[in-house]
Structure formats: structure tokens, C-alpha cells
Amino acid sequence: MPKPSDLLQGTLDLLILRTIARDPLHGWGIAKRIQLVSGEVLAVGQGSLYPALHRLEQQGWIDAEWKASELGRTAKFYGLTREGRKQLARELESWHRLSTAVGLVIQDA
């Protein structure tokens, strides 16, 4: 099994916003989904995840609601706001532009 990689700086917000775009999730669920969807390549630690969630909440891009998790425990579930959906679109556009540019440089090398 591959060892989890560190996230590229600046990609965590995009990954979080994209992960909760369908359904609100609690913090552990967000980290687990990113890890699973990435084929166990990306791992988001609590020390990075929770400060990012707090920052995104303060920016108005996500909101949070306390409710019961699948294990019956109370957990804070995070979901996108209307502004969060707009920010996700901007982040995706920026990511596509960046990844295309990096691809061009790699092909030229």
C-alpha cells in the first residue's frame, strides 16, 4: 500500500470544499473520504483539518451543525454555503489552470 503523501500547499481548502459539496460530513468523515477517494494517497491530519475547517467557516464558505453521527455520537457536520459553492467553482477553475500549466512544463522538460 502506498504511503500517504503530504498535501500540496493550498489544496486543502479545495479538497474539503469538494468533499462536502454533496453531503455534509463531520471532520473525521471528511478526512476519511479524502483518503479513500485518493486511493489512500492523500492523508489529512487533524492538525491541518480542523484549523482549515475553522478558517473556512469564518470565511462563510461552510457552516456547521451538531447532530448524531453514524455511531450515535454527537458530531459537528460541515456543509457548503451558497458562497462556499461559488468559492469551490473558483478553486476548481484555479486548480485546472495550475494543473494544466504544470503538465505543460513537465511535457516540455
C-alpha atoms as a PDB file:
ATOM      1  CA  MET A   1       0.000   0.000   0.000  1.00  0.00           C
ATOM      2  CA  PRO A   2       1.416   3.422  -0.899  1.00  0.00           C
ATOM      3  CA  LYS A   3       2.471   5.747   1.882  1.00  0.00           C
ATOM      4  CA  PRO A   4       0.139   8.781   2.236  1.00  0.00           C
ATOM      5  CA  SER A   5       1.568  11.957   0.718  1.00  0.00           C
ATOM      6  CA  ASP A   6       1.638  15.427   2.130  1.00  0.00           C
ATOM      7  CA  LEU A   7      -0.868  17.734   0.505  1.00  0.00           C
ATOM      8  CA  LEU A   8       0.338  20.426  -1.829  1.00  0.00           C
ATOM      9  CA  GLN A   9       0.134  23.762  -0.112  1.00  0.00           C
ATOM     10  CA  GLY A  10      -3.130  25.471  -0.991  1.00  0.00           C
ATOM     11  CA  THR A  11      -5.038  22.340  -1.997  1.00  0.00           C
ATOM     12  CA  LEU A  12      -6.616  21.530   1.356  1.00  0.00           C
ATOM     13  CA  ASP A  13      -9.400  24.112   1.033  1.00  0.00           C
ATOM     14  CA  LEU A  14     -10.284  22.763  -2.411  1.00  0.00           C
ATOM     15  CA  LEU A  15     -10.317  19.164  -1.172  1.00  0.00           C
ATOM     16  CA  ILE A  16     -12.519  19.996   1.799  1.00  0.00           C
ATOM     17  CA  LEU A  17     -14.983  22.081  -0.229  1.00  0.00           C
ATOM     18  CA  ARG A  18     -15.221  19.398  -2.927  1.00  0.00           C
ATOM     19  CA  THR A  19     -15.621  16.615  -0.365  1.00  0.00           C
ATOM     20  CA  ILE A  20     -18.595  18.232   1.367  1.00  0.00           C
ATOM     21  CA  ALA A  21     -20.203  19.513  -1.846  1.00  0.00           C
ATOM     22  CA  ARG A  22     -22.567  16.506  -1.988  1.00  0.00           C
ATOM     23  CA  ASP A  23     -23.302  15.844   1.658  1.00  0.00           C
ATOM     24  CA  PRO A  24     -22.357  17.418   4.978  1.00  0.00           C
ATOM     25  CA  LEU A  25     -19.751  15.393   6.852  1.00  0.00           C
ATOM     26  CA  HIS A  26     -18.040  15.538  10.230  1.00  0.00           C
ATOM     27  CA  GLY A  27     -14.308  16.137  10.423  1.00  0.00           C
ATOM     28  CA  TRP A  28     -13.240  12.504  10.628  1.00  0.00           C
ATOM     29  CA  GLY A  29     -15.591  11.692   7.726  1.00  0.00           C
ATOM     30  CA  ILE A  30     -14.027  14.420   5.590  1.00  0.00           C
ATOM     31  CA  ALA A  31     -10.505  13.142   6.257  1.00  0.00           C
ATOM     32  CA  LYS A  32     -11.532   9.525   5.635  1.00  0.00           C
ATOM     33  CA  ARG A  33     -13.346  10.319   2.379  1.00  0.00           C
ATOM     34  CA  ILE A  34     -10.341  12.250   1.034  1.00  0.00           C
ATOM     35  CA  GLN A  35      -8.101   9.331   1.916  1.00  0.00           C
ATOM     36  CA  LEU A  36     -10.420   6.727   0.366  1.00  0.00           C
ATOM     37  CA  VAL A  37     -11.215   8.647  -2.825  1.00  0.00           C
ATOM     38  CA  SER A  38      -7.500   9.365  -3.379  1.00  0.00           C
ATOM     39  CA  GLY A  39      -6.692   5.661  -3.232  1.00  0.00           C
ATOM     40  CA  GLU A  40      -5.001   6.049   0.174  1.00  0.00           C
ATOM     41  CA  VAL A  41      -2.505   8.543  -1.299  1.00  0.00           C
ATOM     42  CA  LEU A  42      -3.719  11.688   0.474  1.00  0.00           C
ATOM     43  CA  ALA A  43      -3.986  11.845   4.245  1.00  0.00           C
ATOM     44  CA  VAL A  44      -5.262  14.903   6.102  1.00  0.00           C
ATOM     45  CA  GLY A  45      -4.162  15.099   9.715  1.00  0.00           C
ATOM     46  CA  GLN A  46      -6.272  16.621  12.460  1.00  0.00           C
ATOM     47  CA  GLY A  47      -3.664  19.349  12.940  1.00  0.00           C
ATOM     48  CA  SER A  48      -4.346  20.555   9.398  1.00  0.00           C
ATOM     49  CA  LEU A  49      -8.016  19.667   9.013  1.00  0.00           C
ATOM     50  CA  TYR A  50      -9.612  21.399  11.990  1.00  0.00           C
ATOM     51  CA  PRO A  51      -7.828  24.748  11.577  1.00  0.00           C
ATOM     52  CA  ALA A  52      -8.846  24.674   7.890  1.00  0.00           C
ATOM     53  CA  LEU A  53     -12.467  23.918   8.788  1.00  0.00           C
ATOM     54  CA  HIS A  54     -12.469  26.765  11.294  1.00  0.00           C
ATOM     55  CA  ARG A  55     -10.972  29.144   8.696  1.00  0.00           C
ATOM     56  CA  LEU A  56     -13.492  28.102   6.023  1.00  0.00           C
ATOM     57  CA  GLU A  57     -16.327  28.569   8.497  1.00  0.00           C
ATOM     58  CA  GLN A  58     -15.098  32.067   9.404  1.00  0.00           C
ATOM     59  CA  GLN A  59     -14.906  32.961   5.706  1.00  0.00           C
ATOM     60  CA  GLY A  60     -18.551  31.953   5.322  1.00  0.00           C
ATOM     61  CA  TRP A  61     -17.831  29.151   2.858  1.00  0.00           C
ATOM     62  CA  ILE A  62     -19.034  26.361   5.153  1.00  0.00           C
ATOM     63  CA  ASP A  63     -21.438  26.134   8.035  1.00  0.00           C
ATOM     64  CA  ALA A  64     -21.640  23.605  10.824  1.00  0.00           C
ATOM     65  CA  GLU A  65     -24.398  21.810  12.655  1.00  0.00           C
ATOM     66  CA  TRP A  66     -24.198  19.475  15.641  1.00  0.00           C
ATOM     67  CA  LYS A  67     -26.019  16.188  15.069  1.00  0.00           C
ATOM     68  CA  ALA A  68     -25.713  12.457  15.685  1.00  0.00           C
ATOM     69  CA  SER A  69     -23.068  10.603  13.692  1.00  0.00           C
ATOM     70  CA  GLU A  70     -23.448   7.107  12.277  1.00  0.00           C
ATOM     71  CA  LEU A  71     -22.043   5.822  15.583  1.00  0.00           C
ATOM     72  CA  GLY A  72     -24.695   7.656  17.588  1.00  0.00           C
ATOM     73  CA  ARG A  73     -22.258  10.228  18.961  1.00  0.00           C
ATOM     74  CA  THR A  74     -22.809  13.946  18.584  1.00  0.00           C
ATOM     75  CA  ALA A  75     -20.504  15.417  15.954  1.00  0.00           C
ATOM     76  CA  LYS A  76     -20.146  18.704  14.130  1.00  0.00           C
ATOM     77  CA  PHE A  77     -21.185  18.246  10.488  1.00  0.00           C
ATOM     78  CA  TYR A  78     -19.867  20.691   7.892  1.00  0.00           C
ATOM     79  CA  GLY A  79     -21.695  21.680   4.713  1.00  0.00           C
ATOM     80  CA  LEU A  80     -21.232  24.240   1.940  1.00  0.00           C
ATOM     81  CA  THR A  81     -22.949  27.599   1.988  1.00  0.00           C
ATOM     82  CA  ARG A  82     -24.017  29.408  -1.186  1.00  0.00           C
ATOM     83  CA  GLU A  83     -20.775  31.399  -1.008  1.00  0.00           C
ATOM     84  CA  GLY A  84     -18.901  28.138  -0.471  1.00  0.00           C
ATOM     85  CA  ARG A  85     -20.284  26.759  -3.735  1.00  0.00           C
ATOM     86  CA  LYS A  86     -19.083  29.887  -5.542  1.00  0.00           C
ATOM     87  CA  GLN A  87     -15.669  29.549  -3.912  1.00  0.00           C
ATOM     88  CA  LEU A  88     -15.499  25.879  -4.893  1.00  0.00           C
ATOM     89  CA  ALA A  89     -16.101  26.864  -8.528  1.00  0.00           C
ATOM     90  CA  ARG A  90     -13.290  29.456  -8.307  1.00  0.00           C
ATOM     91  CA  GLU A  91     -10.943  26.949  -6.652  1.00  0.00           C
ATOM     92  CA  LEU A  92     -11.681  24.293  -9.295  1.00  0.00           C
ATOM     93  CA  GLU A  93     -11.006  26.765 -12.097  1.00  0.00           C
ATOM     94  CA  SER A  94      -7.733  27.781 -10.469  1.00  0.00           C
ATOM     95  CA  TRP A  95      -6.734  24.136  -9.929  1.00  0.00           C
ATOM     96  CA  HIS A  96      -7.429  23.238 -13.564  1.00  0.00           C
ATOM     97  CA  ARG A  97      -5.386  26.223 -14.740  1.00  0.00           C
ATOM     98  CA  LEU A  98      -2.487  25.296 -12.427  1.00  0.00           C
ATOM     99  CA  SER A  99      -2.523  21.582 -13.245  1.00  0.00           C
ATOM    100  CA  THR A 100      -2.604  22.333 -16.984  1.00  0.00           C
ATOM    101  CA  ALA A 101       0.384  24.664 -16.635  1.00  0.00           C
ATOM    102  CA  VAL A 102       2.351  22.120 -14.596  1.00  0.00           C
ATOM    103  CA  GLY A 103       1.533  19.458 -17.197  1.00  0.00           C
ATOM    104  CA  LEU A 104       2.869  21.689 -19.960  1.00  0.00           C
ATOM    105  CA  VAL A 105       6.147  22.251 -18.098  1.00  0.00           C
ATOM    106  CA  ILE A 106       6.545  18.534 -17.378  1.00  0.00           C
ATOM    107  CA  GLN A 107       5.943  17.606 -21.018  1.00  0.00           C
ATOM    108  CA  ASP A 108       8.466  20.187 -22.194  1.00  0.00           C
ATOM    109  CA  ALA A 109      11.239  19.044 -19.836  1.00  0.00           C
END
